[in-house]
Amino acid sequence: MDHLAQLLAEIVHDIFKLLDPRDLFVVPMTCRYLYDFIKDNQILHKDNYYRVLDEPPTTDLDWVQEIYDVARLQTICSRYGGSVTYTPLL
């Protein structure tokens, strides 16, 4: 993970905002740098939310909790043979 720690925070942010929501809760377990970078990073979680879902009716949300809820939904659906898919905005 030394290589990621050498990148600018903006570049790391741009990489991680493209992750699947479930991965945002697994990646921080790999090293302290990623844990500190992702934990409570509202902007990163907001960008990830906007990437996978429509804009919510209100923007006064706890983005970390919202992405956590999406990740839980993905996990539940995958356990029962379903899947959560996203249609990219064109």
Protein backbone atom coordinates (compact mmCIF):
# COMPACT_ATOMS: atom_id res chain seq x y z
CA MET A 1 0.00 0.00 0.00
CA ASP A 2 3.01 2.31 0.05
CA HIS A 3 2.33 3.18 -3.56
CA LEU A 4 -1.17 4.45 -2.83
CA ALA A 5 0.08 6.49 0.10
CA GLN A 6 2.46 8.30 -2.24
CA LEU A 7 -0.37 9.49 -4.50
CA LEU A 8 -2.15 12.79 -4.02
CA ALA A 9 -5.32 12.51 -1.95
CA GLU A 10 -7.37 13.71 -4.93
CA ILE A 11 -6.11 10.82 -7.06
CA VAL A 12 -6.84 8.27 -4.33
CA HIS A 13 -10.31 9.81 -3.99
CA ASP A 14 -10.93 9.52 -7.74
CA ILE A 15 -9.91 5.85 -7.65
CA PHE A 16 -12.00 4.93 -4.62
CA LYS A 17 -15.15 6.73 -5.72
CA LEU A 18 -15.34 4.14 -8.52
CA LEU A 19 -15.39 1.18 -6.12
CA ASP A 20 -18.42 -0.95 -5.50
CA PRO A 21 -20.07 0.23 -2.25
CA ARG A 22 -19.23 -3.09 -0.54
CA ASP A 23 -15.56 -2.56 -1.30
CA LEU A 24 -15.55 0.74 0.58
CA PHE A 25 -15.97 -1.32 3.75
CA VAL A 26 -13.37 -3.97 2.90
CA VAL A 27 -10.51 -1.83 1.56
CA PRO A 28 -9.97 0.02 4.88
CA MET A 29 -9.12 -3.31 6.50
CA THR A 30 -5.97 -3.61 4.40
CA CYS A 31 -3.86 -0.86 5.97
CA ARG A 32 -3.97 2.09 8.33
CA TYR A 33 -3.55 4.67 5.54
CA LEU A 34 -6.65 3.46 3.70
CA TYR A 35 -8.60 3.15 6.94
CA ASP A 36 -7.83 6.76 7.82
CA PHE A 37 -8.58 7.92 4.28
CA ILE A 38 -11.96 6.18 3.91
CA LYS A 39 -13.33 6.26 7.48
CA ASP A 40 -15.94 9.01 7.83
CA ASN A 41 -14.98 10.49 4.43
CA GLN A 42 -18.38 12.01 3.66
CA ILE A 43 -17.30 13.43 0.29
CA LEU A 44 -15.99 10.08 -0.94
CA HIS A 45 -19.15 8.27 0.16
CA LYS A 46 -21.34 10.99 -1.37
CA ASP A 47 -19.51 10.67 -4.72
CA ASN A 48 -19.88 6.89 -4.55
CA TYR A 49 -23.60 7.26 -3.77
CA TYR A 50 -24.16 9.57 -6.75
CA ARG A 51 -22.30 7.13 -8.97
CA VAL A 52 -24.56 4.18 -8.15
CA LEU A 53 -27.91 5.81 -7.32
CA ASP A 54 -30.04 8.76 -8.36
CA GLU A 55 -29.74 12.05 -6.59
CA PRO A 56 -31.70 11.84 -3.32
CA PRO A 57 -34.58 14.25 -2.60
CA THR A 58 -32.50 15.80 0.17
CA THR A 59 -28.75 16.24 0.37
CA ASP A 60 -28.64 16.48 4.15
CA LEU A 61 -27.67 12.83 4.59
CA ASP A 62 -25.06 10.82 6.40
CA TRP A 63 -23.33 9.60 3.24
CA VAL A 64 -21.30 6.94 5.05
CA GLN A 65 -24.50 5.41 6.44
CA GLU A 66 -26.24 5.65 3.07
CA ILE A 67 -23.45 3.74 1.29
CA TYR A 68 -23.35 1.24 4.17
CA ASP A 69 -27.07 0.62 3.62
CA VAL A 70 -26.52 0.12 -0.13
CA ALA A 71 -23.70 -2.33 0.61
CA ARG A 72 -25.94 -4.27 3.01
CA LEU A 73 -28.67 -4.43 0.37
CA GLN A 74 -26.17 -5.76 -2.16
CA THR A 75 -25.01 -8.42 0.28
CA ILE A 76 -28.55 -9.50 1.15
CA CYS A 77 -29.58 -9.70 -2.50
CA SER A 78 -26.51 -11.70 -3.47
CA ARG A 79 -27.15 -14.23 -0.68
CA TYR A 80 -30.56 -15.02 -2.12
CA GLY A 81 -29.47 -15.33 -5.73
CA GLY A 82 -30.41 -11.81 -6.70
CA SER A 83 -28.16 -9.00 -7.71
CA VAL A 84 -28.13 -5.25 -7.55
CA THR A 85 -27.16 -3.69 -10.83
CA TYR A 86 -26.64 -0.11 -11.79
CA THR A 87 -27.34 1.60 -15.05
CA PRO A 88 -24.59 4.10 -15.75
CA LEU A 89 -25.69 7.59 -16.60
CA LEU A 90 -24.90 8.47 -20.18
